[in-house]
Amino acid sequence: MTRHPGPRAPRRTASPVLLFLAALLALLPALSVLTAPGARAADGDPAVSLSKKEAGKGGEITVSGSGWRAEALLMLLICGQSTPERGVVGGTNSCANADGRAVTTDKKGAFSKKLPVTEPPKPCPCVVHVATVTGEQALADAVFTVAGHPTADLPEQTGDGKLAVLATTRLEGDSSLLTWFGAPPARRLVFTVGNLGSAPVKDPVFEIGTAHGVYAPQWEERQWRGTVAPGAKAQIKLPVELSAGAHGDYQVSLRYGEKVLAEQPWGVGRPWGVTLFWVLLCLVVPAAVFRIGMAVVDKVRPRPAGSHRTRTPATRRRPKRRGRTGAGAGRDATTAPGATTEATTNAAATTNVATTTDATTAVLPWFTPDSAPSENRPRPTTKGQA
């Protein structure tokens, strides 16, 4: 018996609404994870953790961090008179700066670095202070106890004291002669501040920044000793110093807290004394070398033949011709060929004696037989004689 297939029943397809609801239900767990508070923790503030909460001087702890900027340079310090709530009171003057460590974060903003335990200059409570060195400023503190270090209460808060610059800043001081030869230029930044808050400001810590060209300013902390009462003003002078040999146009900035209060340009002249020194050095050294070389050449060069012979003693001097007295003194020195005088006789005798005595003496180079006087040569005539 042959069975004939009957008409097939149509397949049921899922409704688009049901597909959308199913997809939404599948995405709910993922949405709940993204909206959880723990998911935003990675993008929050930087965090710091310590391997030990307490250690003595000479020990070592491991400082770890996360949530920092990628490949950022950080500075690790142990600071006294500080808490994570109030921060480092007094700035880095409360920290052991000489024993700090630097570290660079990885591409994920994490780091791990060993830090030696030293006693800070201020008493505890203490913290491990981590802050960025370059770029956008970020910091974090972790509570730490230095065993055996003194402990004291934190200073009272100054309240809502606010400082503002009331007058134009200026730079005082002149350059000395040493600055002309490359010594570090130094000035004093003078400005007047006023307390616009309702509480006094005691021993404020300012920051002085010096910038050259397109470079970012290099900040240095300067603390002023004194108290500015609410509504009062005070004149403050802070030292400013550049590096040795600095010259050109500089920009001096004043910062208090996170606010830049004033900026002052500073034109530093070129240290021409250094240039003059190098110019003289380039002239004196070659001259000295030339003189030494000429002395060496004169010492080692060969001498000409016969230069080692000693000179012959000088011949005996002729006696001076005695002057004639009497009536013949006014006569002309020229006499007749046949006449002889006493002076002529003496000269001839002297010549004969010298010739006989020094016959073996070498002839002087400036004397030649041709230059000897001869009786046959015509004598020069004087004016007025025939």
Protein backbone atom coordinates (compact mmCIF):
# COMPACT_ATOMS: atom_id res chain seq x y z
CA MET A 1 0.00 0.00 0.00
CA THR A 2 1.46 3.25 -1.04
CA ARG A 3 1.30 6.17 1.34
CA HIS A 4 0.94 9.51 -0.29
CA PRO A 5 2.49 12.34 1.64
CA GLY A 6 0.08 14.94 2.69
CA PRO A 7 0.62 18.71 2.79
CA ARG A 8 3.43 19.80 5.19
CA ALA A 9 2.61 22.07 8.11
CA PRO A 10 4.21 25.52 7.85
CA ARG A 11 7.17 26.27 10.19
CA ARG A 12 6.68 28.82 12.92
CA THR A 13 9.15 31.75 12.86
CA ALA A 14 10.10 33.73 15.95
CA SER A 15 8.57 37.13 16.21
CA PRO A 16 10.97 40.13 15.95
CA VAL A 17 9.64 41.40 19.24
CA LEU A 18 10.59 38.18 20.95
CA LEU A 19 14.09 38.32 19.46
CA PHE A 20 14.59 41.88 20.72
CA LEU A 21 13.45 40.90 24.22
CA ALA A 22 15.79 37.93 24.26
CA ALA A 23 18.74 40.06 23.22
CA LEU A 24 17.91 42.65 25.87
CA LEU A 25 17.78 40.00 28.57
CA ALA A 26 21.19 38.73 27.45
CA LEU A 27 22.71 42.22 27.69
CA LEU A 28 21.39 43.00 31.15
CA PRO A 29 24.28 41.34 33.02
CA ALA A 30 26.81 43.24 30.93
CA LEU A 31 25.01 46.53 31.53
CA SER A 32 24.94 45.90 35.24
CA VAL A 33 28.70 45.33 35.23
CA LEU A 34 29.38 48.55 33.35
CA THR A 35 27.21 50.59 35.69
CA ALA A 36 28.70 49.11 38.86
CA PRO A 37 30.82 51.43 41.03
CA GLY A 38 33.81 49.12 40.79
CA ALA A 39 34.03 49.61 37.04
CA ARG A 40 34.70 53.33 37.43
CA ALA A 41 37.42 52.78 40.00
CA ALA A 42 40.02 52.31 37.26
CA ASP A 43 39.36 55.82 35.99
CA GLY A 44 39.33 57.42 39.47
CA ASP A 45 42.04 59.04 41.56
CA PRO A 46 45.55 57.52 41.78
CA ALA A 47 46.01 55.02 44.59
CA VAL A 48 49.06 54.02 46.66
CA SER A 49 49.61 50.93 48.80
CA LEU A 50 52.49 49.94 51.10
CA SER A 51 53.97 46.57 51.92
CA LYS A 52 54.36 47.65 55.57
CA LYS A 53 52.50 50.22 57.64
CA GLU A 54 55.38 50.65 60.11
CA ALA A 55 59.14 50.26 59.91
CA GLY A 56 62.24 51.64 61.60
CA LYS A 57 65.06 53.72 60.25
CA GLY A 58 67.30 51.70 57.96
CA GLY A 59 64.52 49.39 56.83
CA GLU A 60 62.86 49.16 53.43
CA ILE A 61 59.30 49.08 52.17
CA THR A 62 57.71 48.45 48.77
CA VAL A 63 55.44 51.17 47.41
CA SER A 64 52.88 50.16 44.77
CA GLY A 65 50.42 52.32 42.87
CA SER A 66 47.72 52.20 40.23
CA GLY A 67 45.45 54.59 38.39
CA TRP A 68 48.28 56.97 37.45
CA ARG A 69 48.97 58.46 34.05
CA ALA A 70 50.77 56.08 31.72
CA GLU A 71 54.56 56.46 31.58
CA ALA A 72 54.56 59.30 34.13
CA LEU A 73 57.58 60.19 36.26
CA LEU A 74 56.77 60.04 39.98
CA MET A 75 58.66 60.98 43.15
CA LEU A 76 58.35 58.90 46.34
CA LEU A 77 59.04 60.63 49.68
CA ILE A 78 58.54 59.96 53.38
CA CYS A 79 57.09 63.13 54.90
CA GLY A 80 56.40 64.11 58.48
CA GLN A 81 53.70 66.36 59.91
CA SER A 82 51.27 65.05 57.29
CA THR A 83 48.06 63.11 56.88
CA PRO A 84 46.17 61.98 53.78
CA GLU A 85 43.32 64.34 54.73
CA ARG A 86 45.41 67.50 55.15
CA GLY A 87 48.27 66.58 52.88
CA VAL A 88 51.89 67.53 53.52
CA VAL A 89 51.85 70.53 55.87
CA GLY A 90 54.71 72.87 55.04
CA GLY A 91 55.42 71.44 51.59
CA THR A 92 58.40 69.27 50.80
CA ASN A 93 60.34 70.92 53.62
CA SER A 94 58.68 68.31 55.85
CA CYS A 95 59.98 65.40 53.73
CA ALA A 96 63.22 63.42 53.61
CA ASN A 97 64.14 64.73 50.16
CA ALA A 98 67.67 63.32 50.12
CA ASP A 99 66.41 59.74 50.42
CA GLY A 100 63.52 59.92 47.96
CA ARG A 101 63.15 57.67 44.94
CA ALA A 102 61.90 58.24 41.41
CA VAL A 103 59.85 55.77 39.39
CA THR A 104 58.12 55.70 36.00
CA THR A 105 54.71 54.13 35.59
CA ASP A 106 54.02 51.50 32.96
CA LYS A 107 51.55 51.73 30.09
CA LYS A 108 48.70 50.85 32.45
CA GLY A 109 49.60 53.54 34.99
CA ALA A 110 50.90 51.14 37.64
CA PHE A 111 54.27 50.97 39.41
CA SER A 112 56.15 49.20 42.20
CA LYS A 113 59.30 50.59 43.85
CA LYS A 114 61.35 49.91 46.97
CA LEU A 115 61.81 52.89 49.29
CA PRO A 116 64.35 53.10 52.15
CA VAL A 117 62.93 54.14 55.51
CA THR A 118 64.44 57.37 56.86
CA GLU A 119 63.38 59.88 59.48
CA PRO A 120 61.80 63.05 58.03
CA PRO A 121 62.77 66.48 59.40
CA LYS A 122 59.32 66.91 60.99
CA PRO A 123 57.70 64.69 63.62
CA CYS A 124 55.02 62.14 62.78
CA PRO A 125 52.19 61.55 61.86
CA CYS A 126 53.94 60.56 58.63
CA VAL A 127 52.91 59.54 55.16
CA VAL A 128 54.49 58.18 52.00
CA HIS A 129 53.97 61.03 49.56
CA VAL A 130 53.77 60.19 45.85
CA ALA A 131 53.49 63.01 43.30
CA THR A 132 54.10 63.56 39.61
CA VAL A 133 57.24 65.43 38.57
CA THR A 134 56.26 66.51 35.05
CA GLY A 135 53.01 67.05 33.23
CA GLU A 136 49.63 67.30 34.89
CA GLN A 137 49.95 67.41 38.65
CA ALA A 138 48.64 64.44 40.63
CA LEU A 139 49.48 63.17 44.12
CA ALA A 140 48.48 60.56 46.68
CA ASP A 141 49.45 59.87 50.31
CA ALA A 142 49.51 56.64 52.30
CA VAL A 143 49.69 56.52 56.11
CA PHE A 144 53.05 55.29 57.40
CA THR A 145 54.72 55.19 60.81
CA VAL A 146 58.47 55.56 61.30
CA ALA A 147 59.28 53.51 64.40
CA GLY A 148 61.20 55.49 67.00
CA HIS A 149 60.54 58.86 65.38
CA PRO A 150 59.01 61.63 67.54
CA THR A 151 55.29 62.33 67.25
CA ALA A 152 53.51 65.67 67.61
CA ASP A 153 50.11 67.16 66.90
CA LEU A 154 49.48 68.80 63.58
CA PRO A 155 49.51 72.61 63.52
CA GLU A 156 46.17 74.32 63.60
CA GLN A 157 44.56 75.09 60.29
CA THR A 158 44.66 78.67 59.15
CA GLY A 159 41.02 78.65 58.06
CA ASP A 160 39.99 80.49 54.93
CA GLY A 161 43.04 82.68 54.52
CA LYS A 162 43.55 83.78 50.92
CA LEU A 163 46.54 85.73 49.60
CA ALA A 164 46.49 88.00 46.57
CA VAL A 165 49.11 90.27 45.03
CA LEU A 166 48.13 93.92 45.51
CA ALA A 167 50.95 95.72 43.67
CA THR A 168 53.21 95.21 40.68
CA THR A 169 56.09 92.82 41.27
CA ARG A 170 59.67 93.86 40.59
CA LEU A 171 63.16 92.41 40.68
CA GLU A 172 65.78 94.05 42.91
CA GLY A 173 69.54 93.66 42.78
CA ASP A 174 72.42 94.16 40.37
CA SER A 175 74.87 91.87 38.67
CA SER A 176 78.37 91.68 40.10
CA LEU A 177 81.69 91.38 38.29
CA LEU A 178 81.60 87.61 38.81
CA THR A 179 78.33 87.43 36.88
CA TRP A 180 80.17 88.97 33.92
CA PHE A 181 82.45 85.92 34.06
CA GLY A 182 79.64 83.33 34.26
CA ALA A 183 78.54 83.34 37.93
CA PRO A 184 74.83 82.55 38.56
CA PRO A 185 72.66 85.70 38.21
CA ALA A 186 70.65 86.42 41.36
CA ARG A 187 67.83 88.85 42.19
CA ARG A 188 65.11 89.36 44.79
CA LEU A 189 61.46 89.19 43.77
CA VAL A 190 59.61 91.92 45.67
CA PHE A 191 55.81 91.95 45.85
CA THR A 192 53.03 92.99 48.20
CA VAL A 193 50.30 90.54 49.21
CA GLY A 194 47.05 91.01 51.06
CA ASN A 195 44.96 88.52 53.00
CA LEU A 196 41.46 88.52 51.53
CA GLY A 197 40.21 85.72 53.78
CA SER A 198 38.79 85.57 57.27
CA ALA A 199 41.70 83.76 58.95
CA PRO A 200 45.40 84.66 59.31
CA VAL A 201 48.00 83.06 57.07
CA LYS A 202 51.16 81.99 58.92
CA ASP A 203 54.49 81.19 57.25
CA PRO A 204 53.10 80.83 53.72
CA VAL A 205 55.04 78.70 51.25
CA PHE A 206 55.38 80.22 47.77
CA GLU A 207 56.77 78.71 44.60
CA ILE A 208 59.14 80.57 42.29
CA GLY A 209 59.33 79.38 38.69
CA THR A 210 61.88 80.42 36.05
CA ALA A 211 61.19 79.73 32.38
CA HIS A 212 63.42 80.35 29.37
CA GLY A 213 62.00 80.42 25.87
CA VAL A 214 59.35 77.79 25.20
CA TYR A 215 60.34 75.58 28.13
CA ALA A 216 58.04 75.06 31.11
CA PRO A 217 59.02 76.85 34.34
CA GLN A 218 61.12 75.06 36.93
CA TRP A 219 59.46 75.54 40.31
CA GLU A 220 61.28 75.93 43.61
CA GLU A 221 59.66 76.40 47.02
CA ARG A 222 60.37 79.54 49.05
CA GLN A 223 58.90 79.94 52.53
CA TRP A 224 58.28 83.36 54.00
CA ARG A 225 58.46 83.68 57.77
CA GLY A 226 55.63 85.79 59.11
CA THR A 227 51.88 86.10 59.54
CA VAL A 228 49.44 88.02 57.38
CA ALA A 229 46.34 88.94 59.39
CA PRO A 230 42.88 89.07 57.75
CA GLY A 231 42.54 92.29 55.77
CA ALA A 232 46.24 93.13 56.26
CA LYS A 233 49.03 93.32 53.70
CA ALA A 234 52.74 92.59 53.79
CA GLN A 235 55.73 93.14 51.54
CA ILE A 236 57.58 89.94 50.73
CA LYS A 237 61.06 89.49 49.23
CA LEU A 238 62.05 86.09 47.87
CA PRO A 239 65.41 85.18 46.32
CA VAL A 240 65.58 84.15 42.66
CA GLU A 241 68.68 82.55 41.17
CA LEU A 242 69.47 81.14 37.73
CA SER A 243 72.06 78.60 36.68
CA ALA A 244 75.68 79.54 35.96
CA GLY A 245 76.23 81.13 32.56
CA ALA A 246 72.51 81.82 32.01
CA HIS A 247 71.69 84.61 29.57
CA GLY A 248 68.72 85.70 27.49
CA ASP A 249 65.07 86.45 28.26
CA TYR A 250 63.58 84.69 31.29
CA GLN A 251 60.12 84.69 32.84
CA VAL A 252 59.84 84.62 36.65
CA SER A 253 56.49 83.34 37.98
CA LEU A 254 55.07 83.42 41.50
CA ARG A 255 52.65 80.71 42.59
CA TYR A 256 50.77 80.17 45.86
CA GLY A 257 48.93 76.91 46.15
CA GLU A 258 47.52 76.13 42.71
CA LYS A 259 47.20 79.74 41.55
CA VAL A 260 49.83 81.82 39.74
CA LEU A 261 49.83 85.23 41.39
CA ALA A 262 52.25 87.20 39.22
CA GLU A 263 54.78 86.99 36.38
CA GLN A 264 57.83 89.17 35.87
CA PRO A 265 60.16 89.27 32.81
CA TRP A 266 63.92 89.23 33.38
CA GLY A 267 66.50 90.01 30.71
CA VAL A 268 69.91 88.56 31.55
CA GLY A 269 72.97 89.85 29.68
CA ARG A 270 75.55 87.61 28.10
CA PRO A 271 78.67 86.87 30.22
CA TRP A 272 81.16 88.57 27.91
CA GLY A 273 84.00 87.89 30.33
CA VAL A 274 83.87 84.21 29.39
CA THR A 275 84.04 85.11 25.70
CA LEU A 276 87.00 87.43 26.34
CA PHE A 277 88.76 84.71 28.28
CA TRP A 278 88.46 82.23 25.41
CA VAL A 279 89.61 84.82 22.88
CA LEU A 280 92.71 85.60 24.93
CA LEU A 281 93.33 81.92 25.44
CA CYS A 282 93.21 81.34 21.68
CA LEU A 283 95.79 84.12 21.18
CA VAL A 284 98.17 83.48 24.07
CA VAL A 285 98.48 79.71 23.72
CA PRO A 286 99.51 79.73 20.02
CA ALA A 287 101.99 82.56 20.71
CA ALA A 288 103.53 80.64 23.60
CA VAL A 289 103.76 77.47 21.51
CA PHE A 290 105.41 79.43 18.69
CA ARG A 291 108.01 80.92 21.06
CA ILE A 292 108.79 77.53 22.55
CA GLY A 293 109.10 75.98 19.09
CA MET A 294 111.47 78.70 17.91
CA ALA A 295 113.63 78.23 21.00
CA VAL A 296 113.81 74.48 20.35
CA VAL A 297 114.68 75.01 16.69
CA ASP A 298 117.42 77.50 17.61
CA LYS A 299 118.81 74.97 20.08
CA VAL A 300 118.97 71.96 17.80
CA ARG A 301 119.86 73.53 14.42
CA PRO A 302 123.46 72.88 13.16
CA ARG A 303 126.07 75.64 13.48
CA PRO A 304 128.01 76.95 10.40
CA ALA A 305 131.66 75.85 9.97
CA GLY A 306 134.22 78.00 11.80
CA SER A 307 131.71 79.63 14.11
CA HIS A 308 133.33 77.86 17.08
CA ARG A 309 136.62 79.70 16.69
CA THR A 310 137.47 82.33 19.20
CA ARG A 311 137.96 85.88 18.14
CA THR A 312 141.50 87.27 17.94
CA PRO A 313 142.45 89.96 20.42
CA ALA A 314 142.01 93.49 19.18
CA THR A 315 145.11 95.31 17.91
CA ARG A 316 146.75 97.93 19.90
CA ARG A 317 145.15 101.27 19.53
CA ARG A 318 146.92 104.04 17.77
CA PRO A 319 148.05 106.87 19.93
CA LYS A 320 146.04 109.97 19.57
CA ARG A 321 147.40 112.60 17.23
CA ARG A 322 148.79 115.42 19.21
CA GLY A 323 147.73 118.83 18.24
CA ARG A 324 150.32 121.35 17.09
CA THR A 325 150.89 124.53 19.02
CA GLY A 326 152.29 127.80 18.02
CA ALA A 327 152.15 129.41 14.65
CA GLY A 328 151.73 126.12 12.80
CA ALA A 329 148.39 125.31 14.57
CA GLY A 330 146.35 127.35 12.18
CA ARG A 331 147.87 125.95 9.04
CA ASP A 332 146.22 123.46 6.76
CA ALA A 333 146.67 119.76 7.61
CA THR A 334 147.63 119.08 4.00
CA THR A 335 151.38 119.35 3.46
CA ALA A 336 153.65 119.08 0.48
CA PRO A 337 154.74 115.62 -0.68
CA GLY A 338 158.34 116.16 0.46
CA ALA A 339 157.57 117.65 3.83
CA THR A 340 157.44 115.59 6.99
CA THR A 341 155.93 116.48 10.32
CA GLU A 342 156.14 115.03 13.77
CA ALA A 343 152.59 113.57 13.60
CA THR A 344 153.29 111.88 10.28
CA THR A 345 156.48 110.36 11.64
CA ASN A 346 154.75 109.04 14.72
CA ALA A 347 151.91 107.53 12.66
CA ALA A 348 154.35 105.79 10.35
CA ALA A 349 156.31 104.37 13.24
CA THR A 350 153.18 103.15 14.90
CA THR A 351 152.00 101.48 11.67
CA ASN A 352 155.30 99.70 11.22
CA VAL A 353 155.26 98.40 14.78
CA ALA A 354 151.67 97.13 14.47
CA THR A 355 152.47 95.44 11.17
CA THR A 356 155.51 93.72 12.60
CA THR A 357 153.81 92.61 15.81
CA ASP A 358 150.51 91.39 14.34
CA ALA A 359 151.77 89.91 11.13
CA THR A 360 150.10 86.59 11.93
CA THR A 361 146.80 88.16 12.97
CA ALA A 362 143.83 87.55 10.65
CA VAL A 363 142.68 90.53 8.65
CA LEU A 364 139.45 92.04 9.90
CA PRO A 365 136.51 91.48 7.56
CA TRP A 366 135.82 95.19 7.12
CA PHE A 367 139.41 95.97 6.20
CA THR A 368 140.70 95.21 2.68
CA PRO A 369 143.89 96.23 0.97
CA ASP A 370 141.98 98.37 -1.47
CA SER A 371 140.60 100.57 1.31
CA ALA A 372 144.07 101.42 2.74
CA PRO A 373 145.19 105.06 2.31
CA SER A 374 147.54 105.69 -0.61
CA GLU A 375 149.76 108.61 -1.32
CA ASN A 376 149.00 108.47 -5.04
CA ARG A 377 145.32 109.09 -4.55
CA PRO A 378 144.19 112.69 -4.98
CA ARG A 379 143.29 114.30 -1.70
CA PRO A 380 139.90 115.93 -1.41
CA THR A 381 139.86 119.69 -1.72
CA THR A 382 138.02 121.96 0.58
CA LYS A 383 135.90 124.88 -0.33
CA GLY A 384 137.94 128.01 -1.02
CA GLN A 385 141.15 126.16 -1.95
CA ALA A 386 142.49 125.75 -5.50
